[in-house]
Amino acid sequence: MQKVIINPVYGGQESGNVSGNIIEKDFNLEISKKIYNNLKNRGIDVYLVRDDDTTLSDEERLLIISNFLSGNDDEVILLSNMLASGNDSGAEIIYALRNDDELAREISNYIEEAGQNILKYYQLRNPNNTALDYYSIIGDVEDNIESIIVSYGYPTNSLDNDFLNNNIDNLANAVSDAIYDYLKKVNIYIVQAGDSLYKIAQKFNTTVDAIKDLNNLTSNNLSIGQELFIPRTSSETPPSNNKDENFFNYTVEFGDTLYSLAKEYNTTVNVLKEINNLTNNALRIGQVLKIPTRITEEDTNNYIIYTVKSGDSLYQIARNYGVTVDEIKNLNGLSSNLLSIGQMLKIPTQINNNQENYLTYTVKSGDSLYKIANLYGTSVDEIKELNNLTSNNLSIGQKLKIPNSNTPSYISYTVKSGDSLYKIANLYGTSVDKIKELNRLTSNNLSIGQILRIPTS
């Protein structure tokens, strides 16, 4: 039996993030109830861990979840809804170490289509024992449960705050659609003139009996316009007799777009249109497309190949290699910041001779050339010279080149229960202000699992 358990994080005496008119415990409950109603109306067996403003410990939540389960459950999804702390922008999805990324990727795609930026989907390990999940709500449930946390955005970020206030229904619908689609694992096909069950089964690489079973059909009769559920099979088919080893054949499924396929397979819409001789972006279910399978040979002296791992983001990768996010996106034809584990990225090693010794900084409220120079261990004059500035005036959102050779070193620290900026600063012999500057924090609020850069010099 398929079940979905929805866990609104915080509640009662634990408010979570509070910013403007967003109180996290209330937001988490509201979006959880909307997802609950959406799935229940579609016939999914669904349960809310809390349906009112109640304080619950992790142990109490785990007990409630356990009581809802039965021996007949063959597929259970545990969805925890929350918000993030800090001044980043976008949604993040965390999935269990024992699970693959299929559901996380599905939810990411639907949330992005709803208009919210996706920072990443990833697994988060316990720093004290990397064989364990960081969050008990993921790691301490039964192995047959697919546990996932969706963080919808950063309410302290003004853009996210506006989006969360105005799009809670869209976000709830997106997550509901993703979970339903994932559970059903079907395509929806509209019967056309001349169709037969045999032809449809051939088209989707399945059997007549499988289609009949899924749709509770007692005969082979069809009617034009009838909706059929089609069992999903692997999207990738062997490139038999394909003369070009750089491509494999992909059969278009319900919901596919050129944009979603280009993003999933690390290519671009224009490349897909060019190699498939397409004159527009329209696709039809069952259409076979050629998809590039590998990075074509170029001047490899100008880039290295990097394979995305759990926890990576474009920002982290760019900083590690001394390049910018835009340079990586341009080189790889990426239109969003979404990454998937195992994805191969080209990382530029020679952008321009005059760009090798700087990083890019975006001016925020309260910045001055003096503060930025101090933060990066350089001088006001060096920044002005590198950016051809004739005055010290800055504007919010302005891009500045910062000399890279003098960038201070730092370590990464994962926030744990009981941490505060003051305690972390004392632990590493630095100051709260330096940590906030390096991480672009506008408040002292922290969230468990948040990754901070701690200056070491």
Protein backbone atom coordinates (compact mmCIF):
# COMPACT_ATOMS: atom_id res chain seq x y z
CA MET A 1 0.00 0.00 0.00
CA GLN A 2 1.24 3.48 -0.87
CA LYS A 3 1.24 6.14 1.86
CA VAL A 4 2.44 9.72 2.24
CA ILE A 5 3.23 11.19 5.68
CA ILE A 6 3.59 14.98 5.86
CA ASN A 7 5.65 16.49 8.66
CA PRO A 8 5.38 20.27 9.22
CA VAL A 9 8.63 21.22 10.98
CA TYR A 10 8.47 23.23 14.24
CA GLY A 11 5.19 24.12 15.98
CA GLY A 12 3.93 25.33 19.35
CA GLN A 13 6.78 26.87 21.36
CA GLU A 14 9.21 26.42 18.44
CA SER A 15 8.53 29.14 15.88
CA GLY A 16 11.47 28.58 13.53
CA ASN A 17 12.36 31.51 11.28
CA VAL A 18 10.40 34.71 11.75
CA SER A 19 10.80 37.38 9.08
CA GLY A 20 8.28 40.04 8.12
CA ASN A 21 4.86 38.42 8.18
CA ILE A 22 6.25 34.90 7.75
CA ILE A 23 6.37 32.69 10.84
CA GLU A 24 7.94 29.41 9.79
CA LYS A 25 5.87 27.07 11.96
CA ASP A 26 2.67 28.56 10.48
CA PHE A 27 3.97 28.48 6.92
CA ASN A 28 5.07 24.86 7.30
CA LEU A 29 1.65 23.86 8.62
CA GLU A 30 -0.27 25.78 5.97
CA ILE A 31 1.64 24.32 3.02
CA SER A 32 1.50 20.85 4.59
CA LYS A 33 -2.28 21.04 4.87
CA LYS A 34 -2.57 22.13 1.24
CA ILE A 35 -0.40 19.23 0.07
CA TYR A 36 -2.41 16.89 2.31
CA ASN A 37 -5.72 17.99 0.76
CA ASN A 38 -4.35 17.79 -2.79
CA LEU A 39 -3.10 14.22 -2.34
CA LYS A 40 -6.16 13.06 -0.39
CA ASN A 41 -8.46 14.34 -3.15
CA ARG A 42 -6.47 12.19 -5.60
CA GLY A 43 -7.04 9.07 -3.55
CA ILE A 44 -3.63 8.89 -1.85
CA ASP A 45 -3.54 7.56 1.73
CA VAL A 46 -2.00 10.58 3.47
CA TYR A 47 -1.39 11.62 7.09
CA LEU A 48 -0.33 14.83 8.88
CA VAL A 49 2.14 14.49 11.76
CA ARG A 50 0.65 17.65 13.27
CA ASP A 51 -2.50 19.45 12.13
CA ASP A 52 -2.42 22.24 14.71
CA ASP A 53 0.08 24.45 16.56
CA THR A 54 1.61 21.71 18.72
CA THR A 55 5.14 21.38 20.11
CA LEU A 56 6.56 17.98 19.14
CA SER A 57 10.02 16.56 19.77
CA ASP A 58 11.76 14.48 17.12
CA GLU A 59 11.08 11.38 19.24
CA GLU A 60 7.36 12.19 19.39
CA ARG A 61 7.24 12.74 15.64
CA LEU A 62 8.96 9.41 14.99
CA LEU A 63 6.45 7.65 17.26
CA ILE A 64 3.51 9.27 15.45
CA ILE A 65 4.97 8.19 12.11
CA SER A 66 5.52 4.63 13.33
CA ASN A 67 1.90 4.36 14.55
CA PHE A 68 0.60 5.32 11.10
CA LEU A 69 2.48 2.50 9.36
CA SER A 70 1.27 -1.04 8.84
CA GLY A 71 2.71 -4.32 7.60
CA ASN A 72 0.97 -3.89 4.24
CA ASP A 73 2.88 -0.74 3.24
CA ASP A 74 4.98 -1.29 0.12
CA GLU A 75 5.84 2.36 -0.58
CA VAL A 76 5.91 5.18 1.99
CA ILE A 77 7.05 8.77 1.48
CA LEU A 78 7.81 10.98 4.48
CA LEU A 79 7.79 14.67 3.46
CA SER A 80 9.11 17.24 5.96
CA ASN A 81 8.35 20.88 5.10
CA MET A 82 10.54 23.73 6.35
CA LEU A 83 12.22 27.05 5.53
CA ALA A 84 15.91 28.00 5.59
CA SER A 85 17.98 30.53 7.53
CA GLY A 86 20.41 32.95 5.93
CA ASN A 87 20.31 35.31 2.99
CA ASP A 88 20.55 32.87 0.09
CA SER A 89 17.65 32.52 -2.33
CA GLY A 90 15.91 29.38 -3.50
CA ALA A 91 14.64 25.96 -2.50
CA GLU A 92 16.71 23.00 -1.35
CA ILE A 93 15.75 19.32 -1.16
CA ILE A 94 17.53 16.85 1.14
CA TYR A 95 17.04 13.11 0.65
CA ALA A 96 18.16 10.09 2.67
CA LEU A 97 21.50 8.35 2.16
CA ARG A 98 19.65 5.07 1.55
CA ASN A 99 17.55 6.55 -1.27
CA ASP A 100 18.36 7.59 -4.83
CA ASP A 101 17.72 11.11 -6.10
CA GLU A 102 14.69 10.37 -8.30
CA LEU A 103 12.03 11.84 -6.00
CA ALA A 104 14.25 14.80 -5.04
CA ARG A 105 14.87 15.52 -8.70
CA GLU A 106 11.15 15.24 -9.49
CA ILE A 107 10.22 17.69 -6.73
CA SER A 108 13.02 20.06 -7.79
CA ASN A 109 11.75 20.14 -11.37
CA TYR A 110 8.16 20.85 -10.34
CA ILE A 111 9.15 23.59 -7.86
CA GLU A 112 11.35 25.24 -10.49
CA GLU A 113 8.47 25.17 -12.97
CA ALA A 114 6.36 26.88 -10.28
CA GLY A 115 8.83 29.79 -10.43
CA GLN A 116 11.11 29.22 -7.45
CA ASN A 117 14.88 29.03 -7.91
CA ILE A 118 16.42 25.66 -6.99
CA LEU A 119 19.72 25.89 -5.12
CA LYS A 120 20.36 22.12 -5.04
CA TYR A 121 19.07 18.72 -4.05
CA TYR A 122 21.49 16.65 -2.03
CA GLN A 123 22.21 14.25 0.83
CA LEU A 124 23.47 15.57 4.17
CA ARG A 125 25.73 13.38 6.30
CA ASN A 126 26.29 13.52 10.04
CA PRO A 127 29.77 15.08 10.46
CA ASN A 128 30.44 12.83 13.47
CA ASN A 129 29.55 9.67 11.54
CA THR A 130 29.36 10.13 7.79
CA ALA A 131 27.59 6.79 7.38
CA LEU A 132 24.51 8.38 9.00
CA ASP A 133 22.06 11.04 7.87
CA TYR A 134 22.32 14.42 9.57
CA TYR A 135 18.60 14.73 10.35
CA SER A 136 16.99 12.12 12.61
CA ILE A 137 13.67 12.53 10.79
CA ILE A 138 15.47 11.10 7.75
CA GLY A 139 17.86 8.62 9.32
CA ASP A 140 15.85 7.18 12.22
CA VAL A 141 12.76 6.04 10.32
CA GLU A 142 12.26 2.57 8.88
CA ASP A 143 14.31 1.63 5.82
CA ASN A 144 11.24 1.22 3.59
CA ILE A 145 10.37 4.91 4.07
CA GLU A 146 11.60 7.36 1.46
CA SER A 147 12.25 10.37 3.66
CA ILE A 148 12.78 13.79 2.13
CA ILE A 149 13.02 17.37 3.41
CA VAL A 150 11.87 20.30 1.27
CA SER A 151 13.13 23.74 2.28
CA TYR A 152 11.07 26.20 0.21
CA GLY A 153 13.27 29.27 0.55
CA TYR A 154 14.89 31.90 2.75
CA PRO A 155 12.30 34.22 4.33
CA THR A 156 15.06 36.64 5.40
CA ASN A 157 15.82 37.18 1.70
CA SER A 158 13.40 39.83 0.39
CA LEU A 159 12.91 38.10 -2.98
CA ASP A 160 12.17 34.74 -1.36
CA ASN A 161 9.93 36.40 1.24
CA ASP A 162 7.76 37.93 -1.49
CA PHE A 163 7.67 34.68 -3.44
CA LEU A 164 6.75 32.56 -0.42
CA ASN A 165 3.97 34.97 0.57
CA ASN A 166 2.42 35.02 -2.91
CA ASN A 167 2.98 31.48 -4.16
CA ILE A 168 2.18 29.04 -1.35
CA ASP A 169 -0.62 27.46 -3.44
CA ASN A 170 1.69 27.08 -6.45
CA LEU A 171 4.38 25.47 -4.30
CA ALA A 172 1.90 23.10 -2.65
CA ASN A 173 0.52 22.10 -6.05
CA ALA A 174 4.03 21.56 -7.40
CA VAL A 175 5.05 19.23 -4.57
CA SER A 176 1.71 17.40 -4.69
CA ASP A 177 2.03 16.86 -8.45
CA ALA A 178 5.61 15.65 -8.09
CA ILE A 179 4.75 13.11 -5.37
CA TYR A 180 1.65 11.87 -7.19
CA ASP A 181 3.55 11.50 -10.45
CA TYR A 182 6.37 9.70 -8.64
CA LEU A 183 4.00 7.29 -6.89
CA LYS A 184 2.01 6.46 -9.98
CA LYS A 185 5.07 6.23 -12.24
CA VAL A 186 2.87 6.49 -15.29
CA ASN A 187 2.45 8.54 -18.43
CA ILE A 188 -0.99 9.75 -19.47
CA TYR A 189 -1.83 9.08 -23.11
CA ILE A 190 -4.87 10.35 -25.05
CA VAL A 191 -6.19 7.76 -27.50
CA GLN A 192 -6.01 8.91 -31.13
CA ALA A 193 -7.83 7.72 -34.26
CA GLY A 194 -6.36 4.42 -35.44
CA ASP A 195 -4.88 3.52 -32.04
CA SER A 196 -5.04 0.04 -30.59
CA LEU A 197 -3.73 -1.33 -27.32
CA TYR A 198 -1.11 -3.26 -29.28
CA LYS A 199 0.15 -0.13 -31.10
CA ILE A 200 0.22 1.90 -27.88
CA ALA A 201 2.08 -0.87 -26.02
CA GLN A 202 4.66 -0.99 -28.83
CA LYS A 203 5.07 2.78 -28.78
CA PHE A 204 5.79 2.88 -25.05
CA ASN A 205 7.79 -0.36 -24.85
CA THR A 206 5.27 -2.10 -22.57
CA THR A 207 2.63 -4.84 -22.93
CA VAL A 208 -1.11 -4.87 -23.62
CA ASP A 209 -1.72 -6.72 -20.33
CA ALA A 210 0.25 -4.13 -18.35
CA ILE A 211 -1.86 -1.30 -19.79
CA LYS A 212 -5.10 -3.21 -19.17
CA ASP A 213 -4.13 -3.99 -15.58
CA LEU A 214 -3.17 -0.40 -14.81
CA ASN A 215 -6.42 0.96 -16.29
CA ASN A 216 -8.72 -1.85 -15.06
CA LEU A 217 -9.76 -2.64 -18.64
CA THR A 218 -11.72 -5.85 -19.26
CA SER A 219 -11.51 -5.65 -23.08
CA ASN A 220 -9.27 -4.28 -25.81
CA ASN A 221 -11.83 -1.70 -26.95
CA LEU A 222 -10.73 1.95 -26.99
CA SER A 223 -12.47 5.25 -27.74
CA ILE A 224 -10.92 8.37 -29.28
CA GLY A 225 -10.08 10.90 -26.55
CA GLN A 226 -9.93 8.23 -23.82
CA GLU A 227 -7.20 8.79 -21.20
CA LEU A 228 -4.89 5.86 -20.54
CA PHE A 229 -2.27 5.42 -17.85
CA ILE A 230 0.88 4.02 -19.45
CA PRO A 231 3.50 2.23 -17.30
CA ARG A 232 6.83 4.02 -17.30
CA THR A 233 9.87 2.23 -18.59
CA SER A 234 13.48 3.36 -18.73
CA SER A 235 13.79 6.56 -20.73
CA GLU A 236 17.09 5.59 -22.25
CA THR A 237 17.11 2.98 -25.03
CA PRO A 238 20.24 1.44 -26.46
CA PRO A 239 21.53 3.32 -29.49
CA SER A 240 21.34 0.23 -31.70
CA ASN A 241 22.77 0.79 -35.16
CA ASN A 242 23.31 4.40 -34.24
CA LYS A 243 26.15 5.63 -36.43
CA ASP A 244 27.02 8.45 -34.04
CA GLU A 245 28.28 7.18 -30.69
CA ASN A 246 27.84 10.65 -29.20
CA PHE A 247 24.05 10.22 -28.88
CA PHE A 248 21.48 7.86 -27.41
CA ASN A 249 17.79 7.64 -28.28
CA TYR A 250 15.25 9.10 -25.85
CA THR A 251 11.48 8.55 -26.12
CA VAL A 252 9.50 11.65 -25.11
CA GLU A 253 7.21 11.16 -22.09
CA PHE A 254 4.26 13.10 -20.78
CA GLY A 255 5.46 16.38 -19.23
CA ASP A 256 8.78 16.50 -21.12
CA THR A 257 9.97 19.76 -22.65
CA LEU A 258 13.12 20.60 -24.55
CA TYR A 259 14.13 22.76 -21.61
CA SER A 260 13.70 19.98 -19.02
CA LEU A 261 15.56 17.46 -21.21
CA ALA A 262 18.40 19.89 -21.92
CA LYS A 263 18.78 20.55 -18.19
CA GLU A 264 18.64 16.86 -17.25
CA TYR A 265 21.25 15.78 -19.80
CA ASN A 266 23.58 18.77 -19.46
CA THR A 267 23.05 20.20 -22.93
CA THR A 268 21.09 23.12 -24.42
CA VAL A 269 17.75 23.55 -26.17
CA ASN A 270 19.51 24.86 -29.28
CA VAL A 271 21.77 21.78 -29.46
CA LEU A 272 18.76 19.45 -29.15
CA LYS A 273 16.90 21.33 -31.87
CA GLU A 274 19.93 21.34 -34.15
CA ILE A 275 20.80 17.63 -33.90
CA ASN A 276 17.13 16.61 -34.22
CA ASN A 277 16.34 19.05 -37.05
CA LEU A 278 13.55 20.69 -35.03
CA THR A 279 12.12 24.02 -36.15
CA ASN A 280 10.17 24.71 -32.92
CA ASN A 281 10.03 23.62 -29.28
CA ALA A 282 6.94 21.40 -29.59
CA LEU A 283 7.29 17.74 -28.57
CA ARG A 284 4.85 14.84 -28.75
CA ILE A 285 4.62 11.78 -26.52
CA GLY A 286 6.44 8.85 -28.11
CA GLN A 287 8.70 11.06 -30.25
CA VAL A 288 12.30 9.79 -30.38
CA LEU A 289 15.05 12.36 -29.81
CA LYS A 290 18.81 12.10 -30.09
CA ILE A 291 20.48 13.19 -26.82
CA PRO A 292 24.23 13.88 -26.54
CA THR A 293 25.89 11.29 -24.30
CA ARG A 294 29.26 12.88 -23.69
CA ILE A 295 31.15 16.12 -23.87
CA THR A 296 32.52 16.52 -27.37
CA GLU A 297 36.25 16.97 -27.86
CA GLU A 298 37.35 20.57 -27.60
CA ASP A 299 40.53 22.30 -26.53
CA THR A 300 40.71 20.45 -23.20
CA ASN A 301 43.62 22.66 -22.14
CA ASN A 302 40.97 25.28 -21.40
CA TYR A 303 38.86 23.25 -18.98
CA ILE A 304 38.82 20.26 -16.64
CA ILE A 305 35.99 17.78 -16.09
CA TYR A 306 34.36 17.81 -12.64
CA THR A 307 31.78 15.26 -11.47
CA VAL A 308 29.12 16.69 -9.16
CA LYS A 309 28.93 15.05 -5.73
CA SER A 310 26.47 15.22 -2.85
CA GLY A 311 26.28 18.69 -1.31
CA ASP A 312 27.79 20.52 -4.27
CA SER A 313 26.47 23.83 -5.56
CA LEU A 314 27.62 25.94 -8.48
CA TYR A 315 28.72 28.63 -6.04
CA GLN A 316 30.92 26.22 -4.08
CA ILE A 317 32.44 24.68 -7.20
CA ALA A 318 33.13 28.09 -8.75
CA ARG A 319 34.82 29.32 -5.57
CA ASN A 320 36.92 26.14 -5.27
CA TYR A 321 38.29 26.60 -8.79
CA GLY A 322 38.62 30.40 -8.73
CA VAL A 323 36.02 31.03 -11.45
CA THR A 324 32.49 32.44 -11.44
CA VAL A 325 29.11 30.72 -11.53
CA ASP A 326 28.31 32.45 -14.82
CA GLU A 327 31.52 31.18 -16.42
CA ILE A 328 30.64 27.59 -15.50
CA LYS A 329 27.03 28.00 -16.67
CA ASN A 330 28.08 29.54 -19.98
CA LEU A 331 30.67 26.83 -20.68
CA ASN A 332 28.15 24.05 -19.91
CA GLY A 333 25.07 25.64 -21.47
CA LEU A 334 23.23 25.68 -18.12
CA SER A 335 20.16 27.85 -17.75
CA SER A 336 19.65 27.28 -14.01
CA ASN A 337 21.75 26.55 -10.90
CA LEU A 338 20.26 23.06 -10.48
CA LEU A 339 22.83 20.23 -10.30
CA SER A 340 22.43 16.47 -10.01
CA ILE A 341 24.83 14.04 -8.37
CA GLY A 342 27.07 12.42 -11.01
CA GLN A 343 26.57 15.24 -13.51
CA MET A 344 29.76 16.13 -15.41
CA LEU A 345 30.73 19.80 -15.60
CA LYS A 346 33.41 21.52 -17.62
CA ILE A 347 35.33 23.89 -15.33
CA PRO A 348 37.25 26.62 -17.12
CA THR A 349 40.96 26.79 -16.38
CA GLN A 350 41.77 29.69 -18.72
CA ILE A 351 38.98 32.23 -19.00
CA ASN A 352 40.97 35.27 -20.06
CA ASN A 353 44.48 36.32 -19.28
CA ASN A 354 43.17 39.42 -17.58
CA GLN A 355 40.54 37.47 -15.58
CA GLU A 356 42.68 34.82 -13.95
CA ASN A 357 43.56 36.82 -10.85
CA TYR A 358 40.18 37.98 -9.60
CA LEU A 359 36.86 36.77 -8.30
CA THR A 360 33.50 38.47 -8.76
CA TYR A 361 31.67 40.10 -5.83
CA THR A 362 28.10 41.47 -5.88
CA VAL A 363 27.63 44.64 -3.83
CA LYS A 364 24.94 44.41 -1.13
CA SER A 365 23.29 46.91 1.18
CA GLY A 366 25.78 48.47 3.62
CA ASP A 367 28.88 47.63 1.59
CA SER A 368 31.73 50.06 1.06
CA LEU A 369 35.01 49.70 -0.79
CA TYR A 370 36.78 49.81 2.56
CA LYS A 371 34.72 46.95 4.04
CA ILE A 372 35.08 44.81 0.91
CA ALA A 373 38.83 45.42 0.75
CA ASN A 374 39.18 44.39 4.40
CA LEU A 375 37.05 41.29 3.85
CA TYR A 376 39.25 40.05 1.00
CA GLY A 377 42.62 41.18 2.31
CA THR A 378 43.24 43.73 -0.43
CA SER A 379 43.13 47.54 -0.70
CA VAL A 380 40.62 50.10 -1.90
CA ASP A 381 43.07 51.30 -4.56
CA GLU A 382 43.58 47.79 -5.94
CA ILE A 383 39.83 47.27 -6.29
CA LYS A 384 39.37 50.67 -7.91
CA GLU A 385 42.21 50.07 -10.35
CA LEU A 386 40.96 46.60 -11.32
CA ASN A 387 37.41 47.93 -11.89
CA ASN A 388 38.40 51.29 -13.47
CA LEU A 389 36.56 53.19 -10.73
CA THR A 390 37.08 56.92 -10.40
CA SER A 391 35.21 57.29 -7.09
CA ASN A 392 34.33 55.24 -3.99
CA ASN A 393 30.61 55.23 -4.76
CA LEU A 394 28.94 51.80 -5.05
CA SER A 395 25.43 50.66 -5.98
CA ILE A 396 23.58 47.59 -4.70
CA GLY A 397 23.88 44.75 -7.21
CA GLN A 398 27.02 46.17 -8.80
CA LYS A 399 29.57 43.50 -9.85
CA LEU A 400 33.14 44.08 -8.65
CA LYS A 401 36.33 42.25 -9.59
CA ILE A 402 38.26 41.39 -6.41
CA PRO A 403 41.96 40.44 -6.63
CA ASN A 404 41.97 36.66 -6.19
CA SER A 405 45.54 36.14 -5.07
CA ASN A 406 44.83 37.81 -1.73
CA THR A 407 41.58 35.96 -0.95
CA PRO A 408 41.60 34.86 2.70
CA SER A 409 41.46 31.13 3.36
CA TYR A 410 38.53 29.55 5.17
CA ILE A 411 37.17 26.22 6.35
CA SER A 412 33.61 24.93 6.06
CA TYR A 413 31.59 24.36 9.21
CA THR A 414 28.19 22.63 9.48
CA VAL A 415 25.88 24.17 12.07
CA LYS A 416 24.66 21.73 14.73
CA SER A 417 22.08 21.88 17.49
CA GLY A 418 22.95 24.50 20.14
CA ASP A 419 25.33 26.47 17.92
CA SER A 420 25.40 30.27 17.78
CA LEU A 421 27.59 32.65 15.82
CA TYR A 422 29.20 33.74 19.09
CA LYS A 423 30.12 30.17 20.09
CA ILE A 424 31.46 29.35 16.62
CA ALA A 425 33.50 32.56 16.47
CA ASN A 426 35.05 31.80 19.88
CA LEU A 427 35.78 28.23 18.85
CA TYR A 428 37.77 29.32 15.81
CA GLY A 429 39.36 32.47 17.20
CA THR A 430 37.51 34.88 14.94
CA SER A 431 34.60 37.35 15.35
CA VAL A 432 30.88 37.22 14.67
CA ASP A 433 31.18 40.15 12.25
CA LYS A 434 33.87 38.39 10.19
CA ILE A 435 31.74 35.25 9.87
CA LYS A 436 28.70 37.32 8.89
CA GLU A 437 30.70 39.28 6.32
CA LEU A 438 32.25 36.16 4.78
CA ASN A 439 28.85 34.43 4.56
CA ARG A 440 26.85 37.57 3.70
CA LEU A 441 24.55 37.06 6.68
CA THR A 442 22.18 39.86 7.63
CA SER A 443 21.17 38.38 10.99
CA ASN A 444 22.55 36.05 13.68
CA ASN A 445 19.97 33.35 12.95
CA LEU A 446 21.36 29.89 12.12
CA SER A 447 19.71 26.63 11.07
CA ILE A 448 20.88 23.10 11.81
CA GLY A 449 22.77 21.74 8.80
CA GLN A 450 23.61 25.21 7.46
CA ILE A 451 27.16 25.36 6.06
CA LEU A 452 29.27 28.36 7.12
CA ARG A 453 32.65 29.55 5.87
CA ILE A 454 34.93 30.27 8.83
CA PRO A 455 37.94 32.54 8.17
CA THR A 456 41.28 30.99 9.10
CA SER A 457 43.38 34.06 8.51
